């Protein structure tokens, strides 16, 4: 009796895991669902990439100014704001 119970339990567990794996594989191959889903921080990541490209262009330029005076707050205006990179300007 115990052997039958254990065997049936393991078989049921195997079938359940196979079902879960099959369901995950079907979801993973659905390109339409992948295309419509957007990462919540995709705008922020793209903004970082753009900033990197902008800074990289200035890397070998020795004529640009990369330092700030003590009373100069103009760098604060260049800081990214959540409205700039989040969808619809909403905060999470």
PDB file of N, CA and C in Angstrom:
ATOM      1  N   UNK A   1       0.821  -1.203   0.000  1.00  0.00           N
ATOM      2  CA  UNK A   1       0.000   0.000   0.000  1.00  0.00           C
ATOM      3  C   UNK A   1       0.868   1.271   0.000  1.00  0.00           C
ATOM      4  N   UNK A   2       1.922   1.285   0.805  1.00  0.00           N
ATOM      5  CA  UNK A   2       2.788   2.465   0.887  1.00  0.00           C
ATOM      6  C   UNK A   2       3.509   2.693  -0.440  1.00  0.00           C
ATOM      7  N   UNK A   3       3.935   1.610  -1.087  1.00  0.00           N
ATOM      8  CA  UNK A   3       4.640   1.742  -2.364  1.00  0.00           C
ATOM      9  C   UNK A   3       3.716   2.334  -3.423  1.00  0.00           C
ATOM     10  N   UNK A   4       2.474   1.892  -3.440  1.00  0.00           N
ATOM     11  CA  UNK A   4       1.509   2.410  -4.407  1.00  0.00           C
ATOM     12  C   UNK A   4       1.252   3.902  -4.165  1.00  0.00           C
ATOM     13  N   UNK A   5       1.150   4.300  -2.910  1.00  0.00           N
ATOM     14  CA  UNK A   5       0.906   5.703  -2.569  1.00  0.00           C
ATOM     15  C   UNK A   5       2.087   6.572  -2.990  1.00  0.00           C
ATOM     16  N   UNK A   6       3.287   6.123  -2.687  1.00  0.00           N
ATOM     17  CA  UNK A   6       4.477   6.897  -3.030  1.00  0.00           C
ATOM     18  C   UNK A   6       4.632   6.996  -4.544  1.00  0.00           C
ATOM     19  N   UNK A   7       4.418   5.879  -5.240  1.00  0.00           N
ATOM     20  CA  UNK A   7       4.548   5.873  -6.695  1.00  0.00           C
ATOM     21  C   UNK A   7       3.521   6.807  -7.331  1.00  0.00           C
ATOM     22  N   UNK A   8       2.295   6.748  -6.867  1.00  0.00           N
ATOM     23  CA  UNK A   8       1.237   7.614  -7.402  1.00  0.00           C
ATOM     24  C   UNK A   8       1.545   9.089  -7.109  1.00  0.00           C
ATOM     25  N   UNK A   9       2.059   9.380  -5.925  1.00  0.00           N
ATOM     26  CA  UNK A   9       2.403  10.755  -5.564  1.00  0.00           C
ATOM     27  C   UNK A   9       3.509  11.291  -6.463  1.00  0.00           C
ATOM     28  N   UNK A  10       4.559  10.495  -6.664  1.00  0.00           N
ATOM     29  CA  UNK A  10       5.651  10.932  -7.526  1.00  0.00           C
ATOM     30  C   UNK A  10       5.203  11.102  -8.977  1.00  0.00           C
ATOM     31  N   UNK A  11       4.339  10.206  -9.440  1.00  0.00           N
ATOM     32  CA  UNK A  11       3.826  10.329 -10.810  1.00  0.00           C
ATOM     33  C   UNK A  11       2.982  11.598 -10.958  1.00  0.00           C
ATOM     34  N   UNK A  12       2.146  11.870  -9.970  1.00  0.00           N
ATOM     35  CA  UNK A  12       1.333  13.080  -9.996  1.00  0.00           C
ATOM     36  C   UNK A  12       2.191  14.338  -9.969  1.00  0.00           C
ATOM     37  N   UNK A  13       3.239  14.322  -9.144  1.00  0.00           N
ATOM     38  CA  UNK A  13       4.149  15.459  -9.080  1.00  0.00           C
ATOM     39  C   UNK A  13       4.867  15.656 -10.408  1.00  0.00           C
ATOM     40  N   UNK A  14       5.295  14.573 -11.024  1.00  0.00           N
ATOM     41  CA  UNK A  14       5.954  14.651 -12.323  1.00  0.00           C
ATOM     42  C   UNK A  14       5.008  15.235 -13.375  1.00  0.00           C
ATOM     43  N   UNK A  15       3.760  14.777 -13.385  1.00  0.00           N
ATOM     44  CA  UNK A  15       2.787  15.289 -14.363  1.00  0.00           C
ATOM     45  C   UNK A  15       2.514  16.776 -14.137  1.00  0.00           C
ATOM     46  N   UNK A  16       2.406  17.197 -12.885  1.00  0.00           N
ATOM     47  CA  UNK A  16       2.162  18.597 -12.581  1.00  0.00           C
ATOM     48  C   UNK A  16       3.342  19.467 -13.030  1.00  0.00           C
ATOM     49  N   UNK A  17       4.556  19.008 -12.773  1.00  0.00           N
ATOM     50  CA  UNK A  17       5.732  19.760 -13.197  1.00  0.00           C
ATOM     51  C   UNK A  17       5.820  19.830 -14.718  1.00  0.00           C
ATOM     52  N   UNK A  18       5.467  18.742 -15.393  1.00  0.00           N
ATOM     53  CA  UNK A  18       5.474  18.744 -16.865  1.00  0.00           C
ATOM     54  C   UNK A  18       4.434  19.735 -17.388  1.00  0.00           C
ATOM     55  N   UNK A  19       3.268  19.794 -16.753  1.00  0.00           N
ATOM     56  CA  UNK A  19       2.235  20.758 -17.139  1.00  0.00           C
ATOM     57  C   UNK A  19       2.742  22.191 -16.963  1.00  0.00           C
ATOM     58  N   UNK A  20       3.373  22.488 -15.803  1.00  0.00           N
ATOM     59  CA  UNK A  20       3.895  23.832 -15.557  1.00  0.00           C
ATOM     60  C   UNK A  20       4.976  24.206 -16.564  1.00  0.00           C
ATOM     61  N   UNK A  21       5.864  23.286 -16.850  1.00  0.00           N
ATOM     62  CA  UNK A  21       6.929  23.552 -17.810  1.00  0.00           C
ATOM     63  C   UNK A  21       6.357  23.810 -19.199  1.00  0.00           C
ATOM     64  N   UNK A  22       5.367  23.013 -19.600  1.00  0.00           N
ATOM     65  CA  UNK A  22       4.728  23.225 -20.903  1.00  0.00           C
ATOM     66  C   UNK A  22       4.036  24.574 -20.987  1.00  0.00           C
ATOM     67  N   UNK A  23       3.361  24.961 -19.915  1.00  0.00           N
ATOM     68  CA  UNK A  23       2.676  26.256 -19.898  1.00  0.00           C
ATOM     69  C   UNK A  23       3.684  27.397 -19.996  1.00  0.00           C
ATOM     70  N   UNK A  24       4.789  27.299 -19.276  1.00  0.00           N
ATOM     71  CA  UNK A  24       5.815  28.338 -19.340  1.00  0.00           C
ATOM     72  C   UNK A  24       6.451  28.408 -20.723  1.00  0.00           C
ATOM     73  N   UNK A  25       6.627  27.277 -21.352  1.00  0.00           N
ATOM     74  CA  UNK A  25       7.204  27.273 -22.698  1.00  0.00           C
ATOM     75  C   UNK A  25       6.246  27.900 -23.703  1.00  0.00           C
ATOM     76  N   UNK A  26       4.943  27.665 -23.557  1.00  0.00           N
ATOM     77  CA  UNK A  26       3.970  28.286 -24.461  1.00  0.00           C
ATOM     78  C   UNK A  26       3.943  29.798 -24.275  1.00  0.00           C
ATOM     79  N   UNK A  27       4.012  30.255 -23.050  1.00  0.00           N
ATOM     80  CA  UNK A  27       4.025  31.691 -22.794  1.00  0.00           C
ATOM     81  C   UNK A  27       5.299  32.310 -23.342  1.00  0.00           C
ATOM     82  N   UNK A  28       6.428  31.615 -23.194  1.00  0.00           N
ATOM     83  CA  UNK A  28       7.715  32.141 -23.641  1.00  0.00           C
ATOM     84  C   UNK A  28       7.823  32.271 -25.139  1.00  0.00           C
ATOM     85  N   UNK A  29       7.068  31.507 -25.892  1.00  0.00           N
ATOM     86  CA  UNK A  29       7.170  31.582 -27.347  1.00  0.00           C
ATOM     87  C   UNK A  29       6.120  32.498 -27.963  1.00  0.00           C
ATOM     88  N   UNK A  30       5.283  33.090 -27.150  1.00  0.00           N
ATOM     89  CA  UNK A  30       4.251  33.980 -27.667  1.00  0.00           C
ATOM     90  C   UNK A  30       4.863  35.362 -27.892  1.00  0.00           C
ATOM     91  N   UNK A  31       5.270  35.623 -29.119  1.00  0.00           N
ATOM     92  CA  UNK A  31       5.960  36.876 -29.444  1.00  0.00           C
ATOM     93  C   UNK A  31       5.044  38.094 -29.320  1.00  0.00           C
ATOM     94  N   UNK A  32       3.752  37.911 -29.522  1.00  0.00           N
ATOM     95  CA  UNK A  32       2.829  39.048 -29.427  1.00  0.00           C
ATOM     96  C   UNK A  32       2.782  39.582 -28.000  1.00  0.00           C
ATOM     97  N   UNK A  33       2.778  38.679 -27.015  1.00  0.00           N
ATOM     98  CA  UNK A  33       2.758  39.124 -25.624  1.00  0.00           C
ATOM     99  C   UNK A  33       4.073  39.796 -25.252  1.00  0.00           C
ATOM    100  N   UNK A  34       5.177  39.286 -25.782  1.00  0.00           N
ATOM    101  CA  UNK A  34       6.471  39.899 -25.493  1.00  0.00           C
ATOM    102  C   UNK A  34       6.564  41.294 -26.099  1.00  0.00           C
ATOM    103  N   UNK A  35       5.994  41.469 -27.283  1.00  0.00           N
ATOM    104  CA  UNK A  35       6.100  42.754 -27.976  1.00  0.00           C
ATOM    105  C   UNK A  35       5.288  43.840 -27.271  1.00  0.00           C
ATOM    106  N   UNK A  36       4.150  43.490 -26.705  1.00  0.00           N
ATOM    107  CA  UNK A  36       3.310  44.511 -26.077  1.00  0.00           C
ATOM    108  C   UNK A  36       3.758  44.838 -24.656  1.00  0.00           C
ATOM    109  N   UNK A  37       4.548  43.969 -24.038  1.00  0.00           N
ATOM    110  CA  UNK A  37       5.000  44.217 -22.675  1.00  0.00           C
ATOM    111  C   UNK A  37       6.214  45.116 -22.683  1.00  0.00           C
ATOM    112  N   UNK A  38       6.173  46.153 -21.867  1.00  0.00           N
ATOM    113  CA  UNK A  38       7.293  47.076 -21.764  1.00  0.00           C
ATOM    114  C   UNK A  38       7.796  47.079 -20.331  1.00  0.00           C
ATOM    115  N   UNK A  39       9.095  46.989 -20.185  1.00  0.00           N
ATOM    116  CA  UNK A  39       9.690  47.000 -18.855  1.00  0.00           C
ATOM    117  C   UNK A  39       9.372  48.324 -18.172  1.00  0.00           C
ATOM    118  N   UNK A  40       9.035  48.305 -16.887  1.00  0.00           N
ATOM    119  CA  UNK A  40       8.659  49.550 -16.208  1.00  0.00           C
ATOM    120  C   UNK A  40       9.762  50.607 -16.207  1.00  0.00           C
ATOM    121  N   UNK A  41      11.013  50.187 -16.294  1.00  0.00           N
ATOM    122  CA  UNK A  41      12.100  51.149 -16.270  1.00  0.00           C
ATOM    123  C   UNK A  41      12.789  51.278 -17.627  1.00  0.00           C
ATOM    124  N   UNK A  42      12.099  50.906 -18.690  1.00  0.00           N
ATOM    125  CA  UNK A  42      12.702  50.961 -20.027  1.00  0.00           C
ATOM    126  C   UNK A  42      13.076  52.389 -20.401  1.00  0.00           C
ATOM    127  N   UNK A  43      12.252  53.355 -20.052  1.00  0.00           N
ATOM    128  CA  UNK A  43      12.559  54.752 -20.354  1.00  0.00           C
ATOM    129  C   UNK A  43      13.791  55.236 -19.612  1.00  0.00           C
ATOM    130  N   UNK A  44      13.913  54.823 -18.361  1.00  0.00           N
ATOM    131  CA  UNK A  44      15.068  55.208 -17.557  1.00  0.00           C
ATOM    132  C   UNK A  44      16.351  54.602 -18.123  1.00  0.00           C
ATOM    133  N   UNK A  45      16.295  53.346 -18.519  1.00  0.00           N
ATOM    134  CA  UNK A  45      17.464  52.675 -19.085  1.00  0.00           C
ATOM    135  C   UNK A  45      17.867  53.333 -20.400  1.00  0.00           C
ATOM    136  N   UNK A  46      16.885  53.674 -21.225  1.00  0.00           N
ATOM    137  CA  UNK A  46      17.194  54.349 -22.483  1.00  0.00           C
ATOM    138  C   UNK A  46      17.786  55.736 -22.232  1.00  0.00           C
ATOM    139  N   UNK A  47      17.286  56.430 -21.211  1.00  0.00           N
ATOM    140  CA  UNK A  47      17.826  57.736 -20.866  1.00  0.00           C
ATOM    141  C   UNK A  47      19.288  57.601 -20.432  1.00  0.00           C
ATOM    142  N   UNK A  48      19.612  56.551 -19.668  1.00  0.00           N
ATOM    143  CA  UNK A  48      21.001  56.330 -19.266  1.00  0.00           C
ATOM    144  C   UNK A  48      21.886  56.035 -20.475  1.00  0.00           C
ATOM    145  N   UNK A  49      21.365  55.278 -21.424  1.00  0.00           N
ATOM    146  CA  UNK A  49      22.129  54.992 -22.644  1.00  0.00           C
ATOM    147  C   UNK A  49      22.396  56.277 -23.437  1.00  0.00           C
ATOM    148  N   UNK A  50      21.373  57.117 -23.532  1.00  0.00           N
ATOM    149  CA  UNK A  50      21.548  58.383 -24.257  1.00  0.00           C
ATOM    150  C   UNK A  50      22.578  59.273 -23.563  1.00  0.00           C
ATOM    151  N   UNK A  51      22.506  59.339 -22.227  1.00  0.00           N
ATOM    152  CA  UNK A  51      23.472  60.145 -21.478  1.00  0.00           C
ATOM    153  C   UNK A  51      24.880  59.599 -21.667  1.00  0.00           C
ATOM    154  N   UNK A  52      25.013  58.275 -21.686  1.00  0.00           N
ATOM    155  CA  UNK A  52      26.322  57.665 -21.890  1.00  0.00           C
ATOM    156  C   UNK A  52      26.872  58.031 -23.262  1.00  0.00           C
ATOM    157  N   UNK A  53      26.025  57.937 -24.282  1.00  0.00           N
ATOM    158  CA  UNK A  53      26.471  58.300 -25.624  1.00  0.00           C
ATOM    159  C   UNK A  53      26.898  59.766 -25.689  1.00  0.00           C
ATOM    160  N   UNK A  54      26.145  60.624 -25.012  1.00  0.00           N
ATOM    161  CA  UNK A  54      26.475  62.047 -25.003  1.00  0.00           C
ATOM    162  C   UNK A  54      27.817  62.294 -24.303  1.00  0.00           C
ATOM    163  N   UNK A  55      28.035  61.637 -23.180  1.00  0.00           N
ATOM    164  CA  UNK A  55      29.286  61.807 -22.454  1.00  0.00           C
ATOM    165  C   UNK A  55      30.456  61.191 -23.208  1.00  0.00           C
ATOM    166  N   UNK A  56      30.226  60.098 -23.906  1.00  0.00           N
ATOM    167  CA  UNK A  56      31.295  59.437 -24.646  1.00  0.00           C
ATOM    168  C   UNK A  56      31.795  60.303 -25.793  1.00  0.00           C
ATOM    169  N   UNK A  57      30.885  61.050 -26.399  1.00  0.00           N
ATOM    170  CA  UNK A  57      31.294  61.951 -27.483  1.00  0.00           C
ATOM    171  C   UNK A  57      32.223  63.050 -26.971  1.00  0.00           C
ATOM    172  N   UNK A  58      32.034  63.461 -25.717  1.00  0.00           N
ATOM    173  CA  UNK A  58      32.870  64.516 -25.142  1.00  0.00           C
ATOM    174  C   UNK A  58      34.138  63.969 -24.500  1.00  0.00           C
ATOM    175  N   UNK A  59      34.341  62.667 -24.486  1.00  0.00           N
ATOM    176  CA  UNK A  59      35.442  62.069 -23.730  1.00  0.00           C
ATOM    177  C   UNK A  59      36.808  62.553 -24.210  1.00  0.00           C
ATOM    178  N   UNK A  60      37.003  62.583 -25.514  1.00  0.00           N
ATOM    179  CA  UNK A  60      38.302  62.973 -26.047  1.00  0.00           C
ATOM    180  C   UNK A  60      38.394  64.476 -26.333  1.00  0.00           C
ATOM    181  N   UNK A  61      37.330  65.206 -26.099  1.00  0.00           N
ATOM    182  CA  UNK A  61      37.329  66.649 -26.310  1.00  0.00           C
ATOM    183  C   UNK A  61      37.904  67.330 -25.064  1.00  0.00           C
ATOM    184  N   UNK A  62      39.066  67.963 -25.194  1.00  0.00           N
ATOM    185  CA  UNK A  62      39.698  68.589 -24.034  1.00  0.00           C
ATOM    186  C   UNK A  62      39.192  70.009 -23.801  1.00  0.00           C
ATOM    187  N   UNK A  63      38.381  70.537 -24.703  1.00  0.00           N
ATOM    188  CA  UNK A  63      37.913  71.904 -24.568  1.00  0.00           C
ATOM    189  C   UNK A  63      36.625  72.042 -23.780  1.00  0.00           C
ATOM    190  N   UNK A  64      35.964  70.953 -23.442  1.00  0.00           N
ATOM    191  CA  UNK A  64      34.701  71.100 -22.708  1.00  0.00           C
ATOM    192  C   UNK A  64      34.961  71.232 -21.211  1.00  0.00           C
ATOM    193  N   UNK A  65      34.012  71.816 -20.548  1.00  0.00           N
ATOM    194  CA  UNK A  65      34.151  72.107 -19.122  1.00  0.00           C
ATOM    195  C   UNK A  65      33.384  71.051 -18.334  1.00  0.00           C
ATOM    196  N   UNK A  66      34.083  70.290 -17.512  1.00  0.00           N
ATOM    197  CA  UNK A  66      33.447  69.224 -16.743  1.00  0.00           C
ATOM    198  C   UNK A  66      33.389  69.532 -15.248  1.00  0.00           C
ATOM    199  N   UNK A  67      33.816  70.685 -14.838  1.00  0.00           N
ATOM    200  CA  UNK A  67      33.795  71.027 -13.433  1.00  0.00           C
ATOM    201  C   UNK A  67      32.841  72.200 -13.227  1.00  0.00           C
ATOM    202  N   UNK A  68      32.513  72.457 -11.992  1.00  0.00           N
ATOM    203  CA  UNK A  68      31.528  73.491 -11.679  1.00  0.00           C
ATOM    204  C   UNK A  68      32.067  74.390 -10.580  1.00  0.00           C
ATOM    205  N   UNK A  69      31.668  75.647 -10.642  1.00  0.00           N
ATOM    206  CA  UNK A  69      32.020  76.580  -9.581  1.00  0.00           C
ATOM    207  C   UNK A  69      31.206  76.257  -8.339  1.00  0.00           C
ATOM    208  N   UNK A  70      31.638  76.787  -7.225  1.00  0.00           N
ATOM    209  CA  UNK A  70      30.962  76.506  -5.963  1.00  0.00           C
ATOM    210  C   UNK A  70      29.505  76.989  -5.977  1.00  0.00           C
ATOM    211  N   UNK A  71      29.260  78.154  -6.564  1.00  0.00           N
ATOM    212  CA  UNK A  71      27.921  78.741  -6.560  1.00  0.00           C
ATOM    213  C   UNK A  71      27.131  78.426  -7.825  1.00  0.00           C
ATOM    214  N   UNK A  72      27.686  77.619  -8.708  1.00  0.00           N
ATOM    215  CA  UNK A  72      27.020  77.311  -9.972  1.00  0.00           C
ATOM    216  C   UNK A  72      26.062  76.132  -9.778  1.00  0.00           C
ATOM    217  N   UNK A  73      24.771  76.367  -9.949  1.00  0.00           N
ATOM    218  CA  UNK A  73      23.773  75.309  -9.800  1.00  0.00           C
ATOM    219  C   UNK A  73      23.189  74.884 -11.141  1.00  0.00           C
ATOM    220  N   UNK A  74      23.843  75.203 -12.221  1.00  0.00           N
ATOM    221  CA  UNK A  74      23.295  74.864 -13.532  1.00  0.00           C
ATOM    222  C   UNK A  74      23.271  73.355 -13.768  1.00  0.00           C
ATOM    223  N   UNK A  75      24.104  72.603 -13.073  1.00  0.00           N
ATOM    224  CA  UNK A  75      24.110  71.158 -13.255  1.00  0.00           C
ATOM    225  C   UNK A  75      22.814  70.526 -12.758  1.00  0.00           C
ATOM    226  N   UNK A  76      22.138  71.190 -11.823  1.00  0.00           N
ATOM    227  CA  UNK A  76      20.882  70.645 -11.305  1.00  0.00           C
ATOM    228  C   UNK A  76      19.778  70.653 -12.357  1.00  0.00           C
ATOM    229  N   UNK A  77      19.866  71.586 -13.293  1.00  0.00           N
ATOM    230  CA  UNK A  77      18.862  71.649 -14.355  1.00  0.00           C
ATOM    231  C   UNK A  77      18.989  70.472 -15.318  1.00  0.00           C
ATOM    232  N   UNK A  78      20.191  69.900 -15.415  1.00  0.00           N
ATOM    233  CA  UNK A  78      20.421  68.786 -16.326  1.00  0.00           C
ATOM    234  C   UNK A  78      20.079  67.428 -15.716  1.00  0.00           C
ATOM    235  N   UNK A  79      19.771  67.393 -14.420  1.00  0.00           N
ATOM    236  CA  UNK A  79      19.425  66.126 -13.790  1.00  0.00           C
ATOM    237  C   UNK A  79      18.135  65.571 -14.383  1.00  0.00           C
ATOM    238  N   UNK A  80      18.080  64.273 -14.645  1.00  0.00           N
ATOM    239  CA  UNK A  80      16.844  63.707 -15.196  1.00  0.00           C
ATOM    240  C   UNK A  80      15.736  63.693 -14.157  1.00  0.00           C
ATOM    241  N   UNK A  81      14.560  64.013 -14.602  1.00  0.00           N
ATOM    242  CA  UNK A  81      13.386  64.003 -13.733  1.00  0.00           C
ATOM    243  C   UNK A  81      12.505  62.819 -14.126  1.00  0.00           C
ATOM    244  N   UNK A  82      11.757  62.251 -13.188  1.00  0.00           N
ATOM    245  CA  UNK A  82      10.918  61.093 -13.530  1.00  0.00           C
ATOM    246  C   UNK A  82       9.957  61.362 -14.682  1.00  0.00           C
ATOM    247  N   UNK A  83       9.528  62.601 -14.853  1.00  0.00           N
ATOM    248  CA  UNK A  83       8.618  62.911 -15.939  1.00  0.00           C
ATOM    249  C   UNK A  83       9.301  62.741 -17.294  1.00  0.00           C
ATOM    250  N   UNK A  84      10.632  62.812 -17.314  1.00  0.00           N
ATOM    251  CA  UNK A  84      11.359  62.708 -18.575  1.00  0.00           C
ATOM    252  C   UNK A  84      11.443  61.290 -19.105  1.00  0.00           C
ATOM    253  N   UNK A  85      11.468  60.306 -18.220  1.00  0.00           N
ATOM    254  CA  UNK A  85      11.720  58.945 -18.690  1.00  0.00           C
ATOM    255  C   UNK A  85      10.646  57.939 -18.335  1.00  0.00           C
ATOM    256  N   UNK A  86       9.695  58.272 -17.488  1.00  0.00           N
ATOM    257  CA  UNK A  86       8.666  57.301 -17.140  1.00  0.00           C
ATOM    258  C   UNK A  86       7.460  57.467 -18.047  1.00  0.00           C
ATOM    259  N   UNK A  87       6.789  56.358 -18.366  1.00  0.00           N
ATOM    260  CA  UNK A  87       5.613  56.467 -19.232  1.00  0.00           C
ATOM    261  C   UNK A  87       4.546  57.361 -18.610  1.00  0.00           C
ATOM    262  N   UNK A  88       4.043  58.269 -19.358  1.00  0.00           N
ATOM    263  CA  UNK A  88       2.998  59.216 -18.943  1.00  0.00           C
ATOM    264  C   UNK A  88       3.452  60.106 -17.786  1.00  0.00           C
ATOM    265  N   UNK A  89       4.741  60.127 -17.464  1.00  0.00           N
ATOM    266  CA  UNK A  89       5.256  60.983 -16.405  1.00  0.00           C
ATOM    267  C   UNK A  89       4.830  60.585 -15.009  1.00  0.00           C
ATOM    268  N   UNK A  90       4.344  59.365 -14.845  1.00  0.00           N
ATOM    269  CA  UNK A  90       3.869  58.916 -13.536  1.00  0.00           C
ATOM    270  C   UNK A  90       5.007  58.314 -12.745  1.00  0.00           C
ATOM    271  N   UNK A  91       4.916  58.434 -11.450  1.00  0.00           N
ATOM    272  CA  UNK A  91       5.875  57.781 -10.559  1.00  0.00           C
ATOM    273  C   UNK A  91       5.303  56.427 -10.169  1.00  0.00           C
ATOM    274  N   UNK A  92       6.185  55.485  -9.966  1.00  0.00           N
ATOM    275  CA  UNK A  92       5.721  54.132  -9.567  1.00  0.00           C
ATOM    276  C   UNK A  92       5.360  54.092  -8.130  1.00  0.00           C
TER     277      UNK A  92
END
